[in-house]
Protein backbone atom coordinates (compact mmCIF):
# COMPACT_ATOMS: atom_id res chain seq x y z
CA MET A 1 -0.12 0.05 -0.16
CA LYS A 2 1.52 3.32 -1.14
CA TRP A 3 1.87 6.40 1.11
CA LYS A 4 -0.42 8.45 -1.00
CA ASP A 5 -3.18 6.00 -0.56
CA TRP A 6 -2.84 6.08 3.41
CA ASP A 7 -5.92 7.42 5.11
CA ARG A 8 -5.39 10.71 6.81
CA ASN A 9 -6.07 9.15 10.17
CA LEU A 10 -3.18 6.75 9.70
CA ARG A 11 -0.59 9.59 8.43
CA ILE A 12 -1.55 11.64 11.63
CA ARG A 13 -1.22 8.80 14.16
CA LEU A 14 2.25 7.63 12.35
CA PHE A 15 3.98 11.13 13.14
CA GLY A 16 2.06 11.73 16.61
CA GLU A 17 2.91 8.30 17.77
CA GLY A 18 6.23 8.15 16.47
CA ALA A 19 6.98 11.29 18.54
CA MET A 20 5.30 9.71 21.78
CA ASN A 21 7.24 6.46 21.22
CA PHE A 22 10.68 8.19 20.97
CA LEU A 23 9.62 9.80 24.40
CA PHE A 24 8.47 6.70 25.96
CA TRP A 25 11.60 4.68 25.05
CA SER A 26 13.78 7.48 26.58
CA PHE A 27 12.23 6.91 30.10
CA PHE A 28 10.79 3.53 30.05
CA PRO A 29 13.65 1.14 30.20
CA PHE A 30 15.19 3.22 33.00
CA MET A 31 12.08 3.24 35.39
CA THR A 32 12.98 -0.25 36.77
CA ILE A 33 16.34 1.14 37.73
CA TYR A 34 14.59 4.25 39.32
CA PHE A 35 12.25 2.14 41.31
CA GLU A 36 14.99 -0.29 42.52
CA ARG A 37 17.41 2.26 43.61
CA SER A 38 14.38 4.19 45.45
CA PHE A 39 12.45 1.29 46.90
CA GLY A 40 15.02 -1.65 46.88
CA LYS A 41 14.48 -4.97 44.91
CA ASP A 42 11.79 -6.29 46.74
CA LYS A 43 9.40 -3.33 46.74
CA ALA A 44 10.34 -2.46 43.17
CA GLY A 45 9.39 -5.85 41.96
CA LEU A 46 6.34 -5.84 43.73
CA LEU A 47 5.38 -2.46 42.52
CA LEU A 48 6.04 -3.35 38.74
CA VAL A 49 3.76 -6.30 39.22
CA LEU A 50 1.18 -3.99 40.56
CA SER A 51 1.86 -1.59 37.84
CA GLN A 52 1.49 -4.28 35.29
CA ALA A 53 -1.56 -5.47 36.95
CA PHE A 54 -3.53 -2.16 36.50
CA SER A 55 -2.33 -2.06 32.77
CA VAL A 56 -3.88 -5.76 32.28
CA VAL A 57 -7.24 -4.55 33.52
CA ALA A 58 -7.13 -1.32 31.39
CA SER A 59 -6.26 -3.37 28.18
CA LEU A 60 -9.45 -5.63 29.23
CA ILE A 61 -11.70 -2.51 29.24
CA GLY A 62 -9.69 -0.86 26.32
CA GLY A 63 -11.17 -2.99 23.61
CA TYR A 64 -14.87 -2.74 24.97
CA CYS A 65 -14.57 1.22 24.96
CA ALA A 66 -13.15 1.48 21.52
CA ASP A 67 -16.55 -0.05 20.30
CA ARG A 68 -18.69 1.64 22.64
CA PHE A 69 -17.38 5.20 22.85
CA GLY A 70 -15.52 5.09 19.56
CA ARG A 71 -11.86 4.98 18.34
CA LYS A 72 -11.31 8.73 18.26
CA LYS A 73 -12.89 9.53 21.53
CA MET A 74 -10.83 6.83 23.33
CA MET A 75 -7.56 7.86 21.65
CA VAL A 76 -8.11 11.50 22.51
CA ILE A 77 -8.94 10.80 26.02
CA SER A 78 -5.92 8.75 26.64
CA ALA A 79 -3.75 11.39 25.15
CA ILE A 80 -5.22 13.89 27.44
CA GLY A 81 -5.01 11.83 30.37
CA GLU A 82 -1.16 10.81 29.57
CA SER A 83 -0.77 14.75 29.21
CA LEU A 84 -2.08 15.56 32.62
CA THR A 85 -0.05 12.59 34.01
CA PHE A 86 3.24 14.02 32.66
CA VAL A 87 2.37 17.14 34.68
CA LEU A 88 2.29 14.91 37.80
CA PHE A 89 5.31 13.03 36.61
CA ALA A 90 7.21 16.24 36.24
CA ALA A 91 6.24 17.67 39.53
CA ALA A 92 7.33 14.33 41.25
CA ASN A 93 11.03 14.97 39.59
CA SER A 94 11.18 18.78 39.68
CA PRO A 95 14.00 20.89 41.19
CA TRP A 96 11.66 21.89 43.94
CA TYR A 97 10.09 18.50 44.86
CA GLN A 98 11.26 14.75 44.65
CA SER A 99 8.43 11.86 45.19
CA SER A 100 9.45 8.22 44.39
CA ILE A 101 5.79 7.20 45.39
CA LEU A 102 4.29 10.06 43.07
CA THR A 103 6.72 8.84 40.22
CA PHE A 104 5.48 5.35 40.51
CA ILE A 105 1.71 6.56 40.52
CA SER A 106 2.45 8.51 37.26
CA PHE A 107 4.40 5.70 35.77
CA SER A 108 1.39 3.40 36.55
CA LEU A 109 -1.14 5.94 35.17
CA LEU A 110 0.78 6.37 31.99
CA GLY A 111 0.36 2.35 31.65
CA VAL A 112 -3.39 2.60 32.17
CA PHE A 113 -3.67 5.28 29.66
CA GLY A 114 -1.34 3.42 27.00
CA ALA A 115 -3.44 0.31 27.45
CA LEU A 116 -6.80 2.28 26.61
CA TYR A 117 -5.38 3.87 23.72
CA TRP A 118 -3.83 0.87 21.70
CA PRO A 119 -6.87 -1.31 21.40
CA ALA A 120 -8.75 1.92 19.76
CA SER A 121 -5.41 2.55 17.96
CA HIS A 122 -5.32 -1.06 16.39
CA ALA A 123 -8.79 -0.95 15.66
CA MET A 124 -9.00 2.10 13.65
CA VAL A 125 -6.25 0.33 11.28
CA ALA A 126 -8.62 -2.63 10.64
CA ASP A 127 -11.44 0.28 9.94
CA VAL A 128 -9.63 2.03 7.26
CA VAL A 129 -7.29 -0.42 5.58
CA ALA A 130 -8.40 -3.27 3.53
CA GLU A 131 -7.52 -6.86 4.64
CA LYS A 132 -4.77 -7.32 2.00
CA HIS A 133 -2.73 -4.23 3.09
CA ARG A 134 -3.02 -4.38 7.16
CA ALA A 135 0.03 -6.32 7.23
CA SER A 136 2.01 -3.71 5.34
CA VAL A 137 0.54 -0.90 7.23
CA PHE A 138 1.14 -2.49 10.71
CA ALA A 139 4.76 -3.39 9.68
CA VAL A 140 5.30 0.37 9.11
CA PHE A 141 4.03 1.21 12.41
CA TYR A 142 6.13 -1.53 14.00
CA THR A 143 9.31 -0.21 12.12
CA ALA A 144 8.59 3.25 13.57
CA ILE A 145 8.38 1.77 16.97
CA ASN A 146 11.73 -0.15 16.34
CA ILE A 147 13.46 3.02 15.27
CA ALA A 148 12.21 4.66 18.64
CA VAL A 149 13.70 1.51 20.47
CA VAL A 150 17.16 2.37 18.90
CA ILE A 151 17.29 6.08 19.56
CA GLY A 152 15.21 6.39 22.64
CA PRO A 153 17.44 4.52 25.06
CA ILE A 154 20.65 5.99 23.87
CA ILE A 155 18.97 9.57 24.22
CA GLY A 156 17.50 8.44 27.66
CA SER A 157 20.48 7.04 29.05
CA VAL A 158 21.69 10.66 29.35
CA VAL A 159 18.67 12.60 29.58
CA PHE A 160 16.85 10.23 32.24
CA TYR A 161 19.49 10.97 34.77
CA THR A 162 20.58 14.46 33.91
CA TYR A 163 17.73 16.45 32.43
CA ARG A 164 14.62 14.20 33.74
CA PHE A 165 12.31 17.33 34.62
CA GLU A 166 12.76 18.85 31.37
CA MET A 167 12.27 15.52 29.53
CA LEU A 168 9.15 14.78 31.40
CA VAL A 169 8.04 18.75 30.83
CA THR A 170 8.62 17.82 27.03
CA GLY A 171 6.26 14.79 27.35
CA PHE A 172 3.58 17.30 28.53
CA VAL A 173 3.89 19.43 25.55
CA ILE A 174 4.13 16.55 23.09
CA THR A 175 1.16 14.67 24.62
CA ALA A 176 -1.17 17.82 24.79
CA LEU A 177 -0.04 18.63 21.23
CA LEU A 178 -0.91 15.13 20.14
CA SER A 179 -4.40 15.40 22.23
CA VAL A 180 -5.09 18.63 20.14
CA ILE A 181 -4.20 17.33 16.72
CA LEU A 182 -6.25 14.14 17.36
CA ALA A 183 -9.28 16.07 18.57
CA VAL A 184 -9.15 18.45 15.40
CA PHE A 185 -7.95 16.46 12.72
CA LEU A 186 -8.54 12.84 13.33
CA GLU A 187 -12.08 11.14 12.11
CA GLU A 188 -13.93 8.73 13.66
CA THR A 189 -13.98 5.31 11.99
CA ALA A 190 -16.16 2.98 14.25
CA GLU A 191 -19.23 1.54 13.01
CA LEU A 192 -22.44 3.03 14.41
CA LYS A 193 -24.23 -0.07 14.47
CA LYS A 194 -21.53 -1.74 16.53
CA ARG A 195 -21.31 1.06 19.02
CA GLU A 196 -25.17 1.05 19.55
CA LYS A 197 -24.93 -2.74 20.05
CA GLN A 198 -22.23 -2.33 22.86
CA ALA A 199 -24.33 0.13 24.42
CA GLY A 200 -26.47 -1.99 26.58
CA THR A 201 -23.42 -3.95 27.88
CA PRO A 202 -21.67 -2.61 31.28
CA TRP A 203 -17.95 -2.40 31.06
CA TYR A 204 -17.55 -5.04 33.91
CA ARG A 205 -19.51 -7.62 31.99
CA ALA A 206 -17.15 -7.02 28.91
CA VAL A 207 -14.33 -7.40 31.11
CA TRP A 208 -15.87 -10.61 32.59
CA ASN A 209 -16.71 -12.07 28.78
CA GLU A 210 -13.14 -11.59 27.71
CA LEU A 211 -11.91 -13.41 30.84
CA TYR A 212 -14.86 -16.19 30.45
CA ASP A 213 -13.23 -16.83 26.93
CA TYR A 214 -9.91 -18.07 28.36
CA ARG A 215 -11.89 -21.06 29.19
CA ILE A 216 -11.07 -22.55 25.70
CA ILE A 217 -7.63 -23.27 27.33
CA ALA A 218 -8.90 -25.88 29.86
CA LYS A 219 -10.53 -27.62 26.62
CA ASP A 220 -7.59 -27.76 24.15
CA MET A 221 -4.55 -29.47 25.60
CA ASN A 222 -2.10 -28.46 22.70
CA PHE A 223 -3.22 -24.85 23.08
CA LEU A 224 -2.57 -25.13 26.89
CA LEU A 225 0.95 -26.18 26.16
CA PHE A 226 1.32 -23.54 24.02
CA ILE A 227 0.41 -20.87 26.50
CA ILE A 228 2.50 -22.50 29.36
CA GLY A 229 5.30 -22.50 26.83
CA GLY A 230 4.84 -19.27 25.91
CA VAL A 231 4.68 -18.00 29.80
CA LEU A 232 7.97 -19.48 30.50
CA VAL A 233 10.04 -18.03 27.65
CA ALA A 234 8.30 -14.92 28.19
CA GLN A 235 10.16 -14.45 31.43
CA THR A 236 13.40 -14.00 29.64
CA PHE A 237 12.37 -11.29 26.98
CA MET A 238 10.46 -9.39 29.44
CA GLN A 239 13.42 -9.18 31.42
CA LEU A 240 14.96 -6.54 28.92
CA ASP A 241 13.92 -3.69 31.14
CA ILE A 242 13.73 -5.29 34.42
CA LEU A 243 16.52 -7.67 35.32
CA ILE A 244 18.91 -6.95 32.49
CA ALA A 245 18.36 -3.26 33.22
CA VAL A 246 19.65 -3.41 37.02
CA TYR A 247 22.24 -6.07 36.34
CA THR A 248 23.76 -3.90 33.31
CA THR A 249 23.94 -0.76 35.42
CA GLU A 250 25.45 -2.41 38.46
CA VAL A 251 28.06 -4.47 36.93
CA ILE A 252 29.36 -2.00 34.56
CA GLN A 253 31.25 1.24 35.95
CA ASN A 254 32.93 3.54 33.43
CA GLN A 255 34.06 0.32 31.26
CA THR A 256 36.03 1.07 28.27
CA ILE A 257 34.67 0.03 24.96
CA PHE A 258 37.03 1.56 22.55
CA GLN A 259 40.74 2.58 23.05
CA LEU A 260 43.11 3.81 20.30
CA GLY A 261 46.09 5.65 21.58
CA ASP A 262 45.03 8.37 23.63
CA LEU A 263 41.48 7.98 22.62
CA ASN A 264 39.46 6.12 25.33
CA ILE A 265 35.92 5.79 25.13
CA GLN A 266 33.98 4.53 28.19
CA VAL A 267 30.52 4.15 29.28
CA SER A 268 28.41 3.97 32.70
CA GLY A 269 26.34 1.24 33.37
CA GLU A 270 23.33 3.23 32.55
CA LYS A 271 24.56 4.32 28.82
CA ALA A 272 25.64 0.44 28.29
CA PHE A 273 22.19 -0.59 29.09
CA GLY A 274 21.08 2.13 26.64
CA LEU A 275 23.25 0.74 23.88
CA VAL A 276 22.32 -2.93 24.49
CA LEU A 277 18.69 -1.99 24.40
CA ALA A 278 19.25 0.07 21.30
CA GLU A 279 21.20 -3.22 19.77
CA ASN A 280 18.20 -4.96 20.16
CA GLY A 281 15.89 -2.39 18.46
CA LEU A 282 18.24 -2.00 15.53
CA LEU A 283 18.42 -5.88 14.91
CA VAL A 284 14.58 -6.17 14.99
CA ALA A 285 14.18 -3.31 12.64
CA LEU A 286 16.81 -4.74 10.19
CA PHE A 287 16.32 -8.47 10.37
CA THR A 288 12.56 -9.30 11.07
CA VAL A 289 11.53 -9.69 7.62
CA TYR A 290 14.58 -11.49 6.30
CA ILE A 291 14.31 -13.87 9.35
CA THR A 292 10.91 -14.66 9.05
CA ARG A 293 11.21 -15.45 5.37
CA VAL A 294 14.18 -17.78 6.49
CA MET A 295 12.38 -19.47 9.21
CA ASN A 296 9.27 -20.33 7.14
CA ARG A 297 11.36 -22.92 5.30
CA TYR A 298 11.60 -25.02 8.50
CA LYS A 299 9.16 -27.23 10.51
CA GLU A 300 7.44 -24.91 13.32
CA LYS A 301 8.31 -27.62 15.69
CA TRP A 302 12.11 -27.07 15.43
CA VAL A 303 11.83 -23.28 14.92
CA PHE A 304 9.81 -22.96 18.50
CA VAL A 305 12.35 -25.40 20.20
CA THR A 306 15.46 -23.97 19.01
CA SER A 307 14.28 -20.39 19.72
CA SER A 308 13.70 -21.46 23.31
CA LEU A 309 17.22 -23.12 23.46
CA ILE A 310 18.92 -20.24 22.07
CA TYR A 311 16.84 -17.91 24.61
CA ALA A 312 18.16 -20.01 27.23
CA PHE A 313 21.87 -19.72 26.44
CA ALA A 314 21.54 -16.11 25.44
CA ILE A 315 20.24 -15.27 29.04
CA THR A 316 22.51 -17.40 30.87
CA LEU A 317 25.83 -15.99 28.79
CA TYR A 318 24.51 -12.58 29.80
CA GLY A 319 24.39 -13.30 33.52
CA MET A 320 27.88 -14.99 33.29
CA THR A 321 29.89 -11.99 32.17
CA GLN A 322 30.55 -8.45 33.35
CA ASN A 323 31.95 -7.42 29.94
CA ILE A 324 29.95 -5.08 27.55
CA TRP A 325 31.07 -6.83 24.27
CA MET A 326 29.91 -10.04 25.69
CA PHE A 327 26.58 -8.41 26.60
CA PHE A 328 26.48 -7.31 22.84
CA ILE A 329 27.01 -10.84 21.67
CA ALA A 330 24.48 -12.18 24.40
CA MET A 331 21.84 -9.63 23.17
CA ALA A 332 22.60 -10.38 19.61
CA LEU A 333 21.80 -14.28 20.28
CA PHE A 334 18.64 -13.16 22.36
CA THR A 335 17.26 -10.96 19.42
CA PHE A 336 17.94 -13.70 16.77
CA ALA A 337 15.90 -16.02 19.34
CA GLU A 338 12.91 -13.35 19.51
CA LEU A 339 12.97 -12.89 15.57
CA MET A 340 12.94 -16.71 14.86
CA VAL A 341 9.28 -17.08 16.19
CA VAL A 342 7.86 -13.25 15.69
CA GLY A 343 6.74 -13.87 12.57
CA ILE A 344 5.29 -17.72 12.59
CA GLN A 345 3.44 -17.30 15.79
CA GLU A 346 0.07 -15.69 14.46
CA SER A 347 -0.06 -18.33 11.78
CA PHE A 348 0.49 -21.13 14.04
CA ILE A 349 -2.22 -20.10 16.30
CA SER A 350 -4.71 -19.97 13.17
CA LYS A 351 -3.66 -23.41 12.54
CA LEU A 352 -4.61 -24.60 16.32
CA ALA A 353 -7.82 -22.71 16.26
CA PRO A 354 -11.03 -23.85 14.82
CA GLU A 355 -12.30 -21.56 12.00
CA ASP A 356 -15.26 -20.29 14.29
CA MET A 357 -13.18 -19.67 17.20
CA ARG A 358 -10.32 -17.72 15.83
CA GLY A 359 -11.07 -14.62 17.67
CA GLN A 360 -11.25 -16.20 21.12
CA TYR A 361 -7.94 -18.27 20.23
CA PHE A 362 -6.01 -14.91 19.39
CA SER A 363 -7.78 -13.12 22.54
CA ALA A 364 -6.59 -16.18 24.82
CA ALA A 365 -3.04 -16.35 23.15
CA SER A 366 -2.21 -13.00 24.53
CA LEU A 367 -2.41 -14.63 27.84
CA ARG A 368 1.35 -15.54 27.29
CA PHE A 369 2.45 -11.97 27.59
CA THR A 370 -0.35 -10.82 29.98
CA LEU A 371 1.08 -13.24 32.59
CA GLY A 372 4.49 -12.69 31.25
CA ARG A 373 4.47 -9.29 32.32
CA LEU A 374 2.97 -9.89 35.47
CA LEU A 375 5.37 -12.42 36.64
CA ALA A 376 8.62 -11.18 35.27
CA PRO A 377 9.12 -8.46 37.89
CA LEU A 378 9.32 -11.22 40.52
CA ILE A 379 12.73 -12.11 39.22
CA LEU A 380 14.11 -8.83 40.49
CA VAL A 381 12.47 -9.52 43.95
CA MET A 382 14.42 -13.07 43.62
CA THR A 383 17.86 -11.27 43.09
CA ASN A 384 17.46 -9.81 46.81
CA TYR A 385 18.09 -13.43 48.12
CA VAL A 386 20.06 -15.07 45.39
CA SER A 387 22.94 -13.79 43.27
CA PHE A 388 22.28 -12.35 39.74
CA LYS A 389 24.13 -15.53 38.27
CA THR A 390 21.81 -17.54 40.07
CA ALA A 391 18.78 -15.39 38.79
CA PHE A 392 20.02 -15.81 35.14
CA ILE A 393 20.45 -19.47 35.36
CA PHE A 394 17.04 -19.72 36.59
CA LEU A 395 15.56 -17.88 33.64
CA GLY A 396 17.74 -20.15 31.31
CA ILE A 397 16.14 -23.02 33.06
CA LEU A 398 12.61 -21.86 32.34
CA ALA A 399 13.60 -21.09 28.65
CA LEU A 400 14.62 -24.66 28.65
CA GLY A 401 11.50 -25.90 30.30
CA SER A 402 9.73 -23.94 27.28
CA GLY A 403 11.41 -25.76 24.75
CA LEU A 404 10.59 -29.16 26.34
CA ILE A 405 6.89 -28.12 26.54
CA TYR A 406 6.96 -26.94 22.90
CA TYR A 407 8.61 -30.36 21.69
CA LEU A 408 5.62 -32.34 23.79
CA MET A 409 3.20 -29.93 22.22
CA PHE A 410 4.46 -30.91 18.57
CA GLN A 411 4.87 -34.49 19.33
CA ARG A 412 1.04 -34.49 20.51
CA LEU A 413 -0.09 -32.63 17.28
CA GLU A 414 1.59 -35.23 15.20
CA LYS A 415 0.28 -38.03 16.69
CA GLU A 416 -3.25 -36.57 16.69
CA THR A 417 -2.35 -35.82 12.79
CA GLN A 418 -1.51 -39.55 12.14
CA VAL A 419 -4.51 -40.88 14.05
CA LYS A 420 -6.96 -38.59 11.80
CA LEU A 421 -4.95 -39.89 8.46
CA SER A 422 -5.42 -43.43 9.19
């Protein structure tokens, strides 16, 4: 789909959300480090779990609200909410007043408003783009996000610790402008009939209906194994801005990354983490399409299992070293494991799901990430009682367990296929 054929709504959102993503990735990866230093690992981990719980509930409500009240209205309300939250966020990190509690509340509110925003945002793409072009449009938005993942952490590694107040004030300005632009120039795309149909359903009933759909997991053993394997392996890649962030900043203290004669380039732990995270985003942006094309040549069974094994090796390697170049190598392997499955997961879910239940299966499949996000911060709590090395080895074991579960799942599927053919 060519740029000239894009709906005006999409063009507005691409630039507006692009700016928001740069801002988001300038502070979000460093919040775990901030909370760990402010509250300690125990409280920081539990607070992050609580914050994710709020976002999970908001995401369940977000889809209902997007249909009930309209895409534009929810996006505008969410942007205004984020703008006001940045005022609180900046006030809690100003030269005149500092509050870790208010910072946590602000961080959680941003997660809630973001969770309300994105269902409406994705639904709007489906509203205005023909099905055959949706993948390419989503790919452009996905690429824009990963460009932000590359640049944002590098900028944030300096700005977050030195000019945090100014950065958060900038956040208020950007989100306020985005609110005005969305309110004035965006057009509503939700179907009126769908909105009227949803009008008689209270929000709590919509949340219950979505949760109730997860009952299909218990009825399909193969799908249940897929979910369990996904939750286990999610504990590794969900650590990018949690355990990996804290570990990198603690073990690297002005380490030399390049030396030539009198030229000696050193990085602090915060900057090293920013570079590692930027490496992940850059590799994702550059190689997602290519690696997905290559992985389509192989059996899904071995792609899933091998991905889990590489995750296990990469996360364990990361915890075994304190050298930034080894961090880069481990992160390259880590990212390769991520890209191996990112392109085939959706099609695999489609194969598992009966045609008349694909919506429910895709909804339930998101539980891999929902539970993953909820459980991941507990690993940070774990490091208060065991060493970082032990925590990374534990994550490696979880990834190995994921590979074993995927293997068993495919074994079951192969046996069932043989029975049907015989």
